[in-house]
Structures are given as C-alpha cells and as structure tokens.
Protein backbone atom coordinates (compact mmCIF):
# COMPACT_ATOMS: atom_id res chain seq x y z
CA MET A 1 4.34 -10.75 -27.99
CA LYS A 2 7.79 -9.58 -24.89
CA ARG A 3 8.12 -6.88 -27.16
CA GLN A 4 4.72 -6.05 -27.34
CA SER A 5 3.53 -6.45 -23.38
CA ILE A 6 6.33 -4.43 -22.85
CA LEU A 7 4.96 -1.25 -25.45
CA ILE A 8 1.48 -1.55 -23.49
CA PHE A 9 2.96 -0.58 -20.02
CA ILE A 10 4.96 1.90 -21.58
CA PHE A 11 1.66 3.57 -23.39
CA LEU A 12 -0.28 2.89 -19.80
CA PHE A 13 2.14 4.38 -17.91
CA ILE A 14 2.99 7.65 -19.75
CA ILE A 15 -1.28 7.95 -19.99
CA THR A 16 -0.50 7.58 -15.88
CA ILE A 17 1.61 10.01 -15.28
CA PHE A 18 0.30 12.97 -18.05
CA PHE A 19 -3.63 13.05 -17.70
CA LYS A 20 -2.36 11.89 -13.62
CA ILE A 21 -5.51 9.16 -13.14
CA ASP A 22 -7.02 9.65 -9.83
CA THR A 23 -7.37 5.77 -7.79
CA THR A 24 -8.69 7.70 -4.70
CA PRO A 25 -12.91 6.65 -3.85
CA VAL A 26 -15.28 9.40 -5.41
CA PHE A 27 -18.00 10.11 -1.91
CA ALA A 28 -21.06 11.70 -2.85
CA ASN A 29 -22.45 14.20 -0.44
CA THR A 30 -25.62 14.33 2.00
CA SER A 31 -26.57 16.94 3.39
CA HIS A 32 -28.12 17.16 6.71
CA CYS A 33 -29.65 20.35 8.42
CA GLY A 34 -32.49 21.02 10.48
CA THR A 35 -34.79 18.41 13.77
CA ILE A 36 -35.19 15.48 12.00
CA GLY A 37 -38.76 14.00 11.43
CA SER A 38 -39.33 10.72 11.72
CA ASN A 39 -36.48 7.98 12.28
CA GLU A 40 -33.63 7.97 9.91
CA VAL A 41 -30.63 5.85 8.67
CA TRP A 42 -27.61 7.70 7.54
CA SER A 43 -25.37 4.87 5.76
CA SER A 44 -22.13 4.73 4.86
CA SER A 45 -22.76 2.94 1.27
CA GLY A 46 -19.94 5.83 -0.73
CA ASN A 47 -21.70 8.56 1.25
CA VAL A 48 -20.82 11.16 2.94
CA HIS A 49 -22.92 13.09 5.76
CA VAL A 50 -22.97 16.69 5.82
CA ILE A 51 -24.32 18.46 8.43
CA THR A 52 -24.63 22.49 6.47
CA CYS A 53 -26.38 24.02 9.82
CA ASN A 54 -27.59 21.94 13.05
CA VAL A 55 -29.13 18.94 12.83
CA ILE A 56 -32.27 17.59 16.22
CA VAL A 57 -33.21 14.52 16.21
CA PRO A 58 -35.87 15.64 18.37
CA THR A 59 -37.42 12.56 21.61
CA ASP A 60 -39.28 9.55 20.58
CA VAL A 61 -37.30 9.90 16.82
CA LYS A 62 -33.78 7.78 15.98
CA LEU A 63 -31.32 8.15 14.13
CA THR A 64 -28.95 5.45 12.85
CA ILE A 65 -26.12 5.84 11.56
CA GLY A 66 -24.27 2.43 9.71
CA GLU A 67 -20.72 0.88 10.22
CA GLY A 68 -18.64 2.80 8.48
CA ALA A 69 -20.04 5.75 8.18
CA ILE A 70 -18.41 9.66 7.68
CA ILE A 71 -20.30 12.27 9.09
CA LYS A 72 -19.12 15.36 8.54
CA PHE A 73 -19.31 18.99 10.35
CA ASN A 74 -19.74 22.55 9.37
CA SER A 75 -18.05 25.00 11.32
CA GLY A 76 -19.50 26.32 13.85
CA THR A 77 -22.34 23.55 13.53
CA SER A 78 -24.11 19.89 15.83
CA LEU A 79 -25.81 17.50 16.76
CA ILE A 80 -28.40 17.44 18.82
CA ILE A 81 -29.99 14.40 20.53
CA ASN A 82 -33.01 14.36 22.26
CA GLY A 83 -34.03 11.35 20.89
CA THR A 84 -31.99 8.00 20.26
CA LEU A 85 -28.84 7.75 18.55
CA ASP A 86 -27.71 4.59 17.40
CA ALA A 87 -24.35 4.47 15.71
CA GLN A 88 -22.22 0.73 16.46
CA GLY A 89 -19.15 0.78 14.11
CA THR A 90 -16.59 -1.81 14.11
CA ALA A 91 -12.80 -2.12 13.86
CA THR A 92 -12.57 -2.62 10.91
CA ASP A 93 -16.11 -0.95 9.89
CA LYS A 94 -15.26 2.70 12.10
CA ILE A 95 -17.16 5.74 12.13
CA TYR A 96 -15.88 8.58 11.82
CA PHE A 97 -17.45 12.53 13.15
CA THR A 98 -15.21 14.99 11.88
CA SER A 99 -14.88 18.44 9.82
CA TYR A 100 -15.81 19.23 6.58
CA ARG A 101 -12.55 20.21 5.70
CA ASP A 102 -10.87 17.15 6.74
CA ASP A 103 -10.05 14.98 3.88
CA THR A 104 -8.39 12.28 5.07
CA VAL A 105 -11.82 10.62 5.02
CA GLY A 106 -14.29 10.91 2.49
CA GLY A 107 -11.57 12.77 0.43
CA ASP A 108 -12.48 16.16 -0.21
CA THR A 109 -15.59 17.40 0.34
CA ASN A 110 -15.57 20.55 -0.35
CA GLY A 111 -13.57 20.58 -3.47
CA ASP A 112 -11.13 23.03 -1.77
CA GLY A 113 -7.80 20.64 -2.75
CA SER A 114 -6.13 18.41 0.19
CA THR A 115 -6.73 20.47 3.63
CA VAL A 116 -7.40 19.27 7.07
CA GLY A 117 -9.76 19.89 9.91
CA ALA A 118 -8.66 21.49 13.03
CA ARG A 119 -9.80 22.09 16.36
CA SER A 120 -13.46 24.19 16.93
CA ASP A 121 -13.54 23.13 13.05
CA TRP A 122 -17.07 22.29 13.69
CA ASP A 123 -19.44 22.44 17.87
CA ARG A 124 -20.85 19.67 19.37
CA ILE A 125 -21.99 16.44 19.55
CA GLU A 126 -25.50 17.15 22.76
CA PHE A 127 -27.08 14.26 24.85
CA THR A 128 -30.05 16.28 26.56
C-alpha cells in the first residue's frame, strides 16, 4: 500500500512538471465603455471589470463597486463621475483600480504574458 502511494505521488509530480498545471484563478472580463444609462453594480465574483473607453456616470445615476472588485483601465481611459460612486472596500476585500497591463491582481487580463502596470497607463477617476 505504501509503495502504491509513493508511485501515485511520483506520477502526479511528473504530470505537474510536464503539463505545468496552472493553479492561478481564472477571471472573466466584463468590458465597460460609454455613458452608464441607469444604476449599476460591478461585483467581484471572479470578474475583472475592464474600462475600454471613458466611462461616464451621469447625474442621478449611481455606480456601486462591490467589495473585492477589480477595475482595470485601458490606456488613456478614465472613469468620470457626475453622479454617485459608491465603492466601499474593506481591509480584507479591497477594491483595485489599476492598469489593464497589471497582472498582479486579476491575472493576465490582456493575455500578453506576465506584465506589470506602470505610471500613466491609464488616465484618471474624475469627480465633477
């Protein structure tokens, strides 16, 4: 029985090396672009929210960003708040606002291999 357990362990180890099993969580991307027409909630639930062009929250519209949400901005894009932004992360479920190139949170969103965000990758969050 002990020999069988050792053989199983060796077999699994070899498979892991040859097939490079990736245990990184996989996130789905939800794209956002343009003016939000009504109240919206952007939740975390295994999802990366990607701002692909400027997103505008008009007066009388509320954008709620849930605890643990990841918001990534494409180059030169902004989130412009004319209405209400309700983003209340916690110490354990932080909300991330970062570059589309930043693979340190939400994985490799743009599929270009391991990269990190850099200063000026995206524009701004603006409150008017």
